[in-house]
Amino acid sequence: MKTLINDRAYSGSGASTSIIKEGDGAWTLTRANTYTGTTEVNGGALVVNNLSGSGTGMGEVNVNAGATLSGSGRVEGPVTVAGLGSLFG
């Protein structure tokens, strides 16, 4: 399993500014992000561990079958868990 801890902030507006987590492993977001597009979790785990703002920007967060959204950070947008997706906090 690969784990990536990202200490970078993402910004941007519009539907084209999004984060998509694919494949096995975990990707950890540690900063406040201000992008306005969606966050798609299609595989593995997206771990939100930011200390301020929203770790997933302002847009919708979709956790799809087989994927996980977890962490102790803050998520501002609406979260939809589809099929066998999961949430851990």
C-alpha atoms as a PDB file:
ATOM      1  CA  MET A   1       0.000   0.000   0.000  1.00  0.00           C
ATOM      2  CA  LYS A   2       1.320   3.429  -0.912  1.00  0.00           C
ATOM      3  CA  THR A   3       0.736   6.405   1.348  1.00  0.00           C
ATOM      4  CA  LEU A   4       1.126  10.013   0.225  1.00  0.00           C
ATOM      5  CA  ILE A   5       1.001  12.889   2.702  1.00  0.00           C
ATOM      6  CA  ASN A   6       0.428  16.145   0.892  1.00  0.00           C
ATOM      7  CA  ASP A   7       1.381  19.367   2.646  1.00  0.00           C
ATOM      8  CA  ARG A   8       0.259  21.583  -0.247  1.00  0.00           C
ATOM      9  CA  ALA A   9      -2.832  23.779  -0.519  1.00  0.00           C
ATOM     10  CA  TYR A  10      -4.983  23.526  -3.660  1.00  0.00           C
ATOM     11  CA  SER A  11      -6.992  26.437  -4.993  1.00  0.00           C
ATOM     12  CA  GLY A  12      -9.045  27.369  -8.019  1.00  0.00           C
ATOM     13  CA  SER A  13     -12.606  27.923  -9.088  1.00  0.00           C
ATOM     14  CA  GLY A  14     -14.941  26.249 -11.492  1.00  0.00           C
ATOM     15  CA  ALA A  15     -15.958  22.694 -12.230  1.00  0.00           C
ATOM     16  CA  SER A  16     -12.555  21.890 -13.736  1.00  0.00           C
ATOM     17  CA  THR A  17     -10.734  22.351 -10.415  1.00  0.00           C
ATOM     18  CA  SER A  18     -11.212  19.027  -8.634  1.00  0.00           C
ATOM     19  CA  ILE A  19      -9.335  16.329  -6.757  1.00  0.00           C
ATOM     20  CA  ILE A  20      -9.751  12.702  -7.794  1.00  0.00           C
ATOM     21  CA  LYS A  21      -8.271   9.930  -5.607  1.00  0.00           C
ATOM     22  CA  GLU A  22      -7.788   6.724  -7.623  1.00  0.00           C
ATOM     23  CA  GLY A  23      -6.229   3.356  -6.808  1.00  0.00           C
ATOM     24  CA  ASP A  24      -5.098   1.661  -3.614  1.00  0.00           C
ATOM     25  CA  GLY A  25      -3.233   3.402  -0.837  1.00  0.00           C
ATOM     26  CA  ALA A  26      -3.918   6.561   1.119  1.00  0.00           C
ATOM     27  CA  TRP A  27      -3.581  10.239   0.250  1.00  0.00           C
ATOM     28  CA  THR A  28      -3.521  12.601   3.228  1.00  0.00           C
ATOM     29  CA  LEU A  29      -4.479  16.278   2.849  1.00  0.00           C
ATOM     30  CA  THR A  30      -3.082  18.489   5.630  1.00  0.00           C
ATOM     31  CA  ARG A  31      -3.886  22.031   4.465  1.00  0.00           C
ATOM     32  CA  ALA A  32      -6.932  24.240   3.993  1.00  0.00           C
ATOM     33  CA  ASN A  33      -7.951  23.979   0.339  1.00  0.00           C
ATOM     34  CA  THR A  34     -10.096  26.498  -1.525  1.00  0.00           C
ATOM     35  CA  TYR A  35     -10.891  24.805  -4.839  1.00  0.00           C
ATOM     36  CA  THR A  36     -14.596  24.774  -5.708  1.00  0.00           C
ATOM     37  CA  GLY A  37     -14.928  21.635  -7.840  1.00  0.00           C
ATOM     38  CA  THR A  38     -15.767  18.161  -6.616  1.00  0.00           C
ATOM     39  CA  THR A  39     -13.635  15.738  -4.647  1.00  0.00           C
ATOM     40  CA  GLU A  40     -13.975  12.171  -5.954  1.00  0.00           C
ATOM     41  CA  VAL A  41     -12.709   9.248  -3.884  1.00  0.00           C
ATOM     42  CA  ASN A  42     -12.720   6.287  -6.270  1.00  0.00           C
ATOM     43  CA  GLY A  43     -10.280   3.942  -4.541  1.00  0.00           C
ATOM     44  CA  GLY A  44      -8.143   3.581  -1.440  1.00  0.00           C
ATOM     45  CA  ALA A  45      -8.471   6.247   1.243  1.00  0.00           C
ATOM     46  CA  LEU A  46      -8.546  10.026   1.216  1.00  0.00           C
ATOM     47  CA  VAL A  47      -7.485  11.144   4.698  1.00  0.00           C
ATOM     48  CA  VAL A  48      -8.416  14.707   5.646  1.00  0.00           C
ATOM     49  CA  ASN A  49      -6.198  15.965   8.509  1.00  0.00           C
ATOM     50  CA  ASN A  50      -6.212  19.735   8.031  1.00  0.00           C
ATOM     51  CA  LEU A  51      -6.136  22.044  11.066  1.00  0.00           C
ATOM     52  CA  SER A  52      -8.112  24.948   9.578  1.00  0.00           C
ATOM     53  CA  GLY A  53     -10.481  25.657   6.704  1.00  0.00           C
ATOM     54  CA  SER A  54     -11.724  22.782   4.570  1.00  0.00           C
ATOM     55  CA  GLY A  55      -9.435  19.934   3.609  1.00  0.00           C
ATOM     56  CA  THR A  56     -11.610  19.187   0.580  1.00  0.00           C
ATOM     57  CA  GLY A  57     -12.348  22.683  -0.697  1.00  0.00           C
ATOM     58  CA  MET A  58     -15.904  23.985  -0.984  1.00  0.00           C
ATOM     59  CA  GLY A  59     -17.382  21.514  -3.457  1.00  0.00           C
ATOM     60  CA  GLU A  60     -19.207  18.224  -3.175  1.00  0.00           C
ATOM     61  CA  VAL A  61     -17.341  15.139  -1.915  1.00  0.00           C
ATOM     62  CA  ASN A  62     -18.254  11.761  -3.451  1.00  0.00           C
ATOM     63  CA  VAL A  63     -17.017   8.560  -1.822  1.00  0.00           C
ATOM     64  CA  ASN A  64     -17.580   5.728  -4.282  1.00  0.00           C
ATOM     65  CA  ALA A  65     -17.797   1.946  -3.822  1.00  0.00           C
ATOM     66  CA  GLY A  66     -14.616   0.474  -2.332  1.00  0.00           C
ATOM     67  CA  ALA A  67     -13.226   3.866  -1.282  1.00  0.00           C
ATOM     68  CA  THR A  68     -12.861   5.515   2.134  1.00  0.00           C
ATOM     69  CA  LEU A  69     -12.972   9.088   3.434  1.00  0.00           C
ATOM     70  CA  SER A  70     -11.347   9.426   6.848  1.00  0.00           C
ATOM     71  CA  GLY A  71      -9.364  11.697   9.134  1.00  0.00           C
ATOM     72  CA  SER A  72      -9.829  14.315  11.822  1.00  0.00           C
ATOM     73  CA  GLY A  73      -9.977  17.395   9.576  1.00  0.00           C
ATOM     74  CA  ARG A  74     -12.890  19.464   8.340  1.00  0.00           C
ATOM     75  CA  VAL A  75     -14.964  18.907   5.185  1.00  0.00           C
ATOM     76  CA  GLU A  76     -17.106  21.895   4.088  1.00  0.00           C
ATOM     77  CA  GLY A  77     -19.064  20.549   1.110  1.00  0.00           C
ATOM     78  CA  PRO A  78     -21.832  17.949   1.108  1.00  0.00           C
ATOM     79  CA  VAL A  79     -20.627  14.343   1.308  1.00  0.00           C
ATOM     80  CA  THR A  80     -22.272  11.481  -0.622  1.00  0.00           C
ATOM     81  CA  VAL A  81     -21.307   7.875   0.116  1.00  0.00           C
ATOM     82  CA  ALA A  82     -22.286   5.499  -2.683  1.00  0.00           C
ATOM     83  CA  GLY A  83     -22.636   1.727  -2.607  1.00  0.00           C
ATOM     84  CA  LEU A  84     -19.953   0.174  -0.420  1.00  0.00           C
ATOM     85  CA  GLY A  85     -17.989   3.398   0.189  1.00  0.00           C
ATOM     86  CA  SER A  86     -17.117   4.186   3.809  1.00  0.00           C
ATOM     87  CA  LEU A  87     -16.490   7.007   6.259  1.00  0.00           C
ATOM     88  CA  PHE A  88     -14.152   6.864   9.250  1.00  0.00           C
ATOM     89  CA  GLY A  89     -13.410   9.775  11.540  1.00  0.00           C
END
